[in-house]
Protein backbone atom coordinates (compact mmCIF):
# COMPACT_ATOMS: atom_id res chain seq x y z
CA UNK A 1 71.92 85.69 107.76
CA UNK A 2 71.95 89.28 106.57
CA UNK A 3 74.79 91.07 104.74
CA UNK A 4 74.57 94.85 104.39
CA UNK A 5 76.33 96.41 101.41
CA UNK A 6 77.01 100.07 102.18
CA UNK A 7 77.00 101.77 98.78
CA UNK A 8 78.48 105.26 98.66
CA UNK A 9 77.36 105.94 95.09
CA UNK A 10 74.83 104.58 92.59
CA UNK A 11 77.20 102.26 90.68
CA UNK A 12 78.28 99.88 93.46
CA UNK A 13 77.42 96.44 92.12
CA UNK A 14 78.60 93.38 94.03
CA UNK A 15 79.22 90.95 91.16
CA UNK A 16 80.77 87.65 92.32
CA UNK A 17 80.79 88.81 95.96
CA UNK A 18 77.00 88.91 95.91
CA UNK A 19 76.88 85.51 94.24
CA UNK A 20 79.31 83.96 96.69
CA UNK A 21 77.54 85.28 99.77
CA UNK A 22 74.17 84.12 98.46
CA UNK A 23 75.62 80.61 98.09
CA UNK A 24 76.60 80.83 101.76
CA UNK A 25 73.00 81.63 102.66
CA UNK A 26 73.27 85.39 103.12
CA UNK A 27 70.41 87.71 102.29
CA UNK A 28 71.90 90.69 100.45
CA UNK A 29 70.65 94.10 101.55
CA UNK A 30 71.84 97.37 100.01
CA UNK A 31 72.04 100.81 101.60
CA UNK A 32 72.72 103.69 99.20
CA UNK A 33 74.20 106.85 100.69
CA UNK A 34 74.63 109.21 97.71
CA UNK A 35 71.97 108.74 95.01
CA UNK A 36 72.66 109.63 91.41
CA UNK A 37 70.80 112.93 91.76
CA UNK A 38 73.31 114.07 94.41
CA UNK A 39 76.43 112.60 92.79
CA UNK A 40 77.98 116.02 92.05
CA UNK A 41 76.91 117.50 95.42
CA UNK A 42 77.54 114.54 97.70
CA UNK A 43 77.73 116.20 101.13
CA UNK A 44 74.28 115.06 102.07
CA UNK A 45 72.97 113.84 105.42
CA UNK A 46 71.64 110.34 105.84
CA UNK A 47 70.22 108.05 108.48
CA UNK A 48 72.25 104.86 108.68
CA UNK A 49 70.61 101.55 109.48
CA UNK A 50 71.52 99.81 112.73
CA UNK A 51 74.70 97.93 111.84
CA UNK A 52 74.22 95.57 114.78
CA UNK A 53 71.20 94.08 113.03
CA UNK A 54 73.47 92.54 110.39
CA UNK A 55 75.76 89.52 110.34
CA UNK A 56 78.20 91.08 107.86
CA UNK A 57 79.00 94.61 106.65
CA UNK A 58 80.51 95.35 103.24
CA UNK A 59 81.40 99.04 102.77
CA UNK A 60 81.96 99.48 99.05
CA UNK A 61 83.93 101.82 96.78
CA UNK A 62 83.36 105.47 95.86
CA UNK A 63 84.66 108.23 93.64
CA UNK A 64 85.28 110.36 96.71
CA UNK A 65 88.29 110.40 99.00
CA UNK A 66 88.07 108.82 102.44
CA UNK A 67 89.87 111.93 103.75
CA UNK A 68 87.54 114.53 102.16
CA UNK A 69 85.80 115.71 105.30
CA UNK A 70 84.89 119.05 103.72
CA UNK A 71 83.36 117.40 100.66
CA UNK A 72 81.46 114.47 102.21
CA UNK A 73 81.87 114.90 105.96
CA UNK A 74 78.13 114.99 106.69
CA UNK A 75 77.97 111.25 106.11
CA UNK A 76 81.66 110.25 106.09
CA UNK A 77 82.36 111.12 109.73
CA UNK A 78 79.26 109.36 111.13
CA UNK A 79 80.02 106.32 108.99
CA UNK A 80 83.58 106.13 110.30
CA UNK A 81 82.29 106.14 113.88
CA UNK A 82 79.64 103.53 113.15
CA UNK A 83 82.11 101.25 111.39
CA UNK A 84 84.57 101.55 114.27
CA UNK A 85 81.82 100.64 116.73
CA UNK A 86 80.70 97.71 114.57
CA UNK A 87 84.29 96.45 114.43
CA UNK A 88 84.59 96.71 118.21
CA UNK A 89 81.27 94.90 118.57
CA UNK A 90 82.67 91.98 116.58
CA UNK A 91 80.60 92.36 113.43
CA UNK A 92 82.58 90.97 110.47
CA UNK A 93 83.49 93.69 107.97
CA UNK A 94 84.78 93.32 104.40
CA UNK A 95 85.89 96.75 103.20
CA UNK A 96 86.46 97.22 99.46
CA UNK A 97 88.63 100.03 98.01
CA UNK A 98 87.06 103.20 99.50
CA UNK A 99 85.48 100.85 102.05
CA UNK A 100 88.91 99.43 102.86
CA UNK A 101 90.25 102.96 103.24
CA UNK A 102 87.37 103.73 105.60
CA UNK A 103 88.36 100.79 107.76
CA UNK A 104 91.99 101.90 107.76
CA UNK A 105 90.98 105.35 108.96
CA UNK A 106 88.34 104.09 111.41
CA UNK A 107 90.85 101.74 113.04
CA UNK A 108 93.62 104.30 113.47
CA UNK A 109 95.39 104.51 110.11
CA UNK A 110 95.21 107.31 107.57
CA UNK A 111 94.29 107.85 103.93
CA UNK A 112 95.83 110.21 101.36
CA UNK A 113 96.53 110.62 97.67
CA UNK A 114 98.78 107.93 96.20
CA UNK A 115 101.84 108.88 94.13
CA UNK A 116 100.12 107.33 91.12
CA UNK A 117 96.84 105.69 90.23
CA UNK A 118 96.34 101.95 89.80
CA UNK A 119 93.77 101.17 87.11
CA UNK A 120 93.23 97.77 85.52
CA UNK A 121 94.26 94.21 86.30
CA UNK A 122 97.31 94.01 88.56
CA UNK A 123 99.38 91.41 90.36
CA UNK A 124 99.98 91.98 94.06
CA UNK A 125 102.54 90.76 96.56
CA UNK A 126 100.73 88.64 99.15
CA UNK A 127 101.98 87.51 102.55
CA UNK A 128 99.12 85.00 102.81
CA UNK A 129 98.15 83.49 99.47
CA UNK A 130 95.59 81.24 101.15
CA UNK A 131 93.58 84.39 101.93
CA UNK A 132 94.71 86.81 99.20
CA UNK A 133 96.18 85.16 96.11
CA UNK A 134 98.57 87.22 94.01
CA UNK A 135 95.88 87.85 91.42
CA UNK A 136 95.44 89.41 88.98
CA UNK A 137 92.93 91.63 90.79
CA UNK A 138 91.15 94.70 89.44
CA UNK A 139 92.42 98.06 90.70
CA UNK A 140 90.69 101.42 90.34
CA UNK A 141 92.02 103.95 92.83
CA UNK A 142 93.98 107.17 93.19
CA UNK A 143 94.43 107.04 96.98
CA UNK A 144 96.09 104.75 99.52
CA UNK A 145 96.06 104.04 103.24
CA UNK A 146 98.56 103.57 106.02
CA UNK A 147 97.86 100.31 107.81
CA UNK A 148 96.48 100.79 111.34
CA UNK A 149 98.74 99.94 114.28
CA UNK A 150 98.11 96.38 115.37
CA UNK A 151 96.69 95.27 112.03
CA UNK A 152 98.34 92.56 109.94
CA UNK A 153 99.29 93.65 106.45
CA UNK A 154 98.41 90.90 103.98
CA UNK A 155 99.20 92.32 100.54
CA UNK A 156 100.76 95.28 98.75
CA UNK A 157 102.07 96.67 95.48
CA UNK A 158 104.83 99.22 94.97
CA UNK A 159 102.18 101.96 95.01
CA UNK A 160 99.85 100.99 97.84
CA UNK A 161 99.00 98.57 100.61
CA UNK A 162 96.37 96.20 99.24
CA UNK A 163 94.96 94.29 102.22
CA UNK A 164 95.06 94.07 106.00
CA UNK A 165 93.33 92.08 108.70
CA UNK A 166 92.43 93.24 112.18
CA UNK A 167 90.12 91.11 114.27
CA UNK A 168 87.06 90.34 112.16
CA UNK A 169 87.80 93.08 109.60
CA UNK A 170 89.41 92.49 106.21
CA UNK A 171 90.22 95.65 104.25
CA UNK A 172 90.97 95.43 100.52
CA UNK A 173 92.32 98.16 98.24
CA UNK A 174 91.50 96.24 95.05
CA UNK A 175 88.07 95.32 93.69
CA UNK A 176 87.26 91.59 93.84
CA UNK A 177 83.68 92.35 92.75
CA UNK A 178 84.64 93.40 89.22
CA UNK A 179 83.30 91.38 86.31
CA UNK A 180 82.21 92.61 82.85
CA UNK A 181 78.85 93.88 84.15
CA UNK A 182 80.45 95.88 86.97
CA UNK A 183 83.09 97.31 84.65
CA UNK A 184 80.47 98.42 82.11
CA UNK A 185 78.51 100.20 84.83
CA UNK A 186 81.61 102.16 85.78
CA UNK A 187 82.56 102.99 82.19
CA UNK A 188 79.00 104.12 81.45
CA UNK A 189 79.32 106.93 83.97
CA UNK A 190 79.90 110.39 82.56
CA UNK A 191 83.65 110.66 82.04
CA UNK A 192 84.22 107.01 82.96
CA UNK A 193 86.07 106.01 79.79
CA UNK A 194 88.05 109.27 79.72
CA UNK A 195 89.13 108.72 83.33
CA UNK A 196 90.51 105.30 82.48
CA UNK A 197 92.17 106.45 79.27
CA UNK A 198 93.83 109.33 81.12
CA UNK A 199 95.83 106.69 83.01
CA UNK A 200 97.08 105.15 79.77
CA UNK A 201 94.62 102.25 79.76
CA UNK A 202 92.95 101.20 76.51
CA UNK A 203 89.24 100.79 77.25
CA UNK A 204 88.57 98.14 74.62
CA UNK A 205 91.53 96.08 75.76
CA UNK A 206 90.32 96.41 79.34
CA UNK A 207 86.87 95.16 78.35
CA UNK A 208 88.37 92.21 76.47
CA UNK A 209 90.73 91.32 79.29
CA UNK A 210 87.95 91.50 81.88
CA UNK A 211 85.76 89.19 79.82
CA UNK A 212 88.53 86.64 79.26
CA UNK A 213 89.72 86.70 82.86
CA UNK A 214 86.25 86.44 84.44
CA UNK A 215 86.18 82.67 85.09
CA UNK A 216 89.48 82.83 86.98
CA UNK A 217 88.76 86.12 88.72
CA UNK A 218 85.33 84.90 89.84
CA UNK A 219 86.94 81.81 91.36
CA UNK A 220 89.54 83.92 93.17
CA UNK A 221 86.75 86.03 94.62
CA UNK A 222 84.72 82.99 95.68
CA UNK A 223 87.80 81.57 97.39
CA UNK A 224 88.54 84.90 99.07
CA UNK A 225 84.99 85.16 100.42
CA UNK A 226 85.06 81.53 101.59
CA UNK A 227 88.32 82.06 103.48
CA UNK A 228 87.18 85.40 104.89
CA UNK A 229 84.02 83.83 106.30
CA UNK A 230 85.86 80.82 107.67
CA UNK A 231 88.93 82.52 109.18
CA UNK A 232 88.45 86.26 109.55
CA UNK A 233 84.74 86.53 110.33
CA UNK A 234 85.17 83.99 113.14
CA UNK A 235 88.41 85.39 114.59
CA UNK A 236 88.80 86.90 118.03
CA UNK A 237 87.52 90.46 118.37
CA UNK A 238 90.29 93.08 118.43
CA UNK A 239 88.99 96.38 119.75
CA UNK A 240 90.47 99.80 119.07
CA UNK A 241 90.17 102.91 121.23
């Protein structure tokens, strides 16, 4: 089995999601859209692989907005169409943060700036704790989606919807892939620590909390992936126009 991780920037590590999928027998393949050399000028063109050659798609996060057609439209708009077609073809999709926002937009919802950012470990309100436990989960976003018509909202906070299911697609606003290694990669980016601190988050406390919470957060992610593969990835196909 082949799982394609669609990486929109050069710091999209999969952490416990990679480890969980490998235990399930998936071969992890990675497709990078915006390399580090183009990070500040991301409106590049790219040739996407054939999504139908994969058993699972995982569109990952990004520092860009899923509504920024002028800034990244050369690859954003084709990706939206390809993800919509993959969803309609019944390919299981696990969208994470920006990737979840892509699925919201591709399936008929919308994406815009949120009234405030969510950065750090948060508890969420879940309608289905067997699929999405309350957490804590790691959040790192400044935008939010409106849930597509016909989708089932699974989780939310006061600031943003956090998860929905439609057919074989599960969209997440939070980051189940975060562990200390993933966090350090993000903080090592130029301006990474300053971006976090600007939201009132102490970087050293965040590092310490992430390290201490890793055993429990890894297990939550393993359970989420297990349930996604068992229930969502095998569900009936729900097509959108």
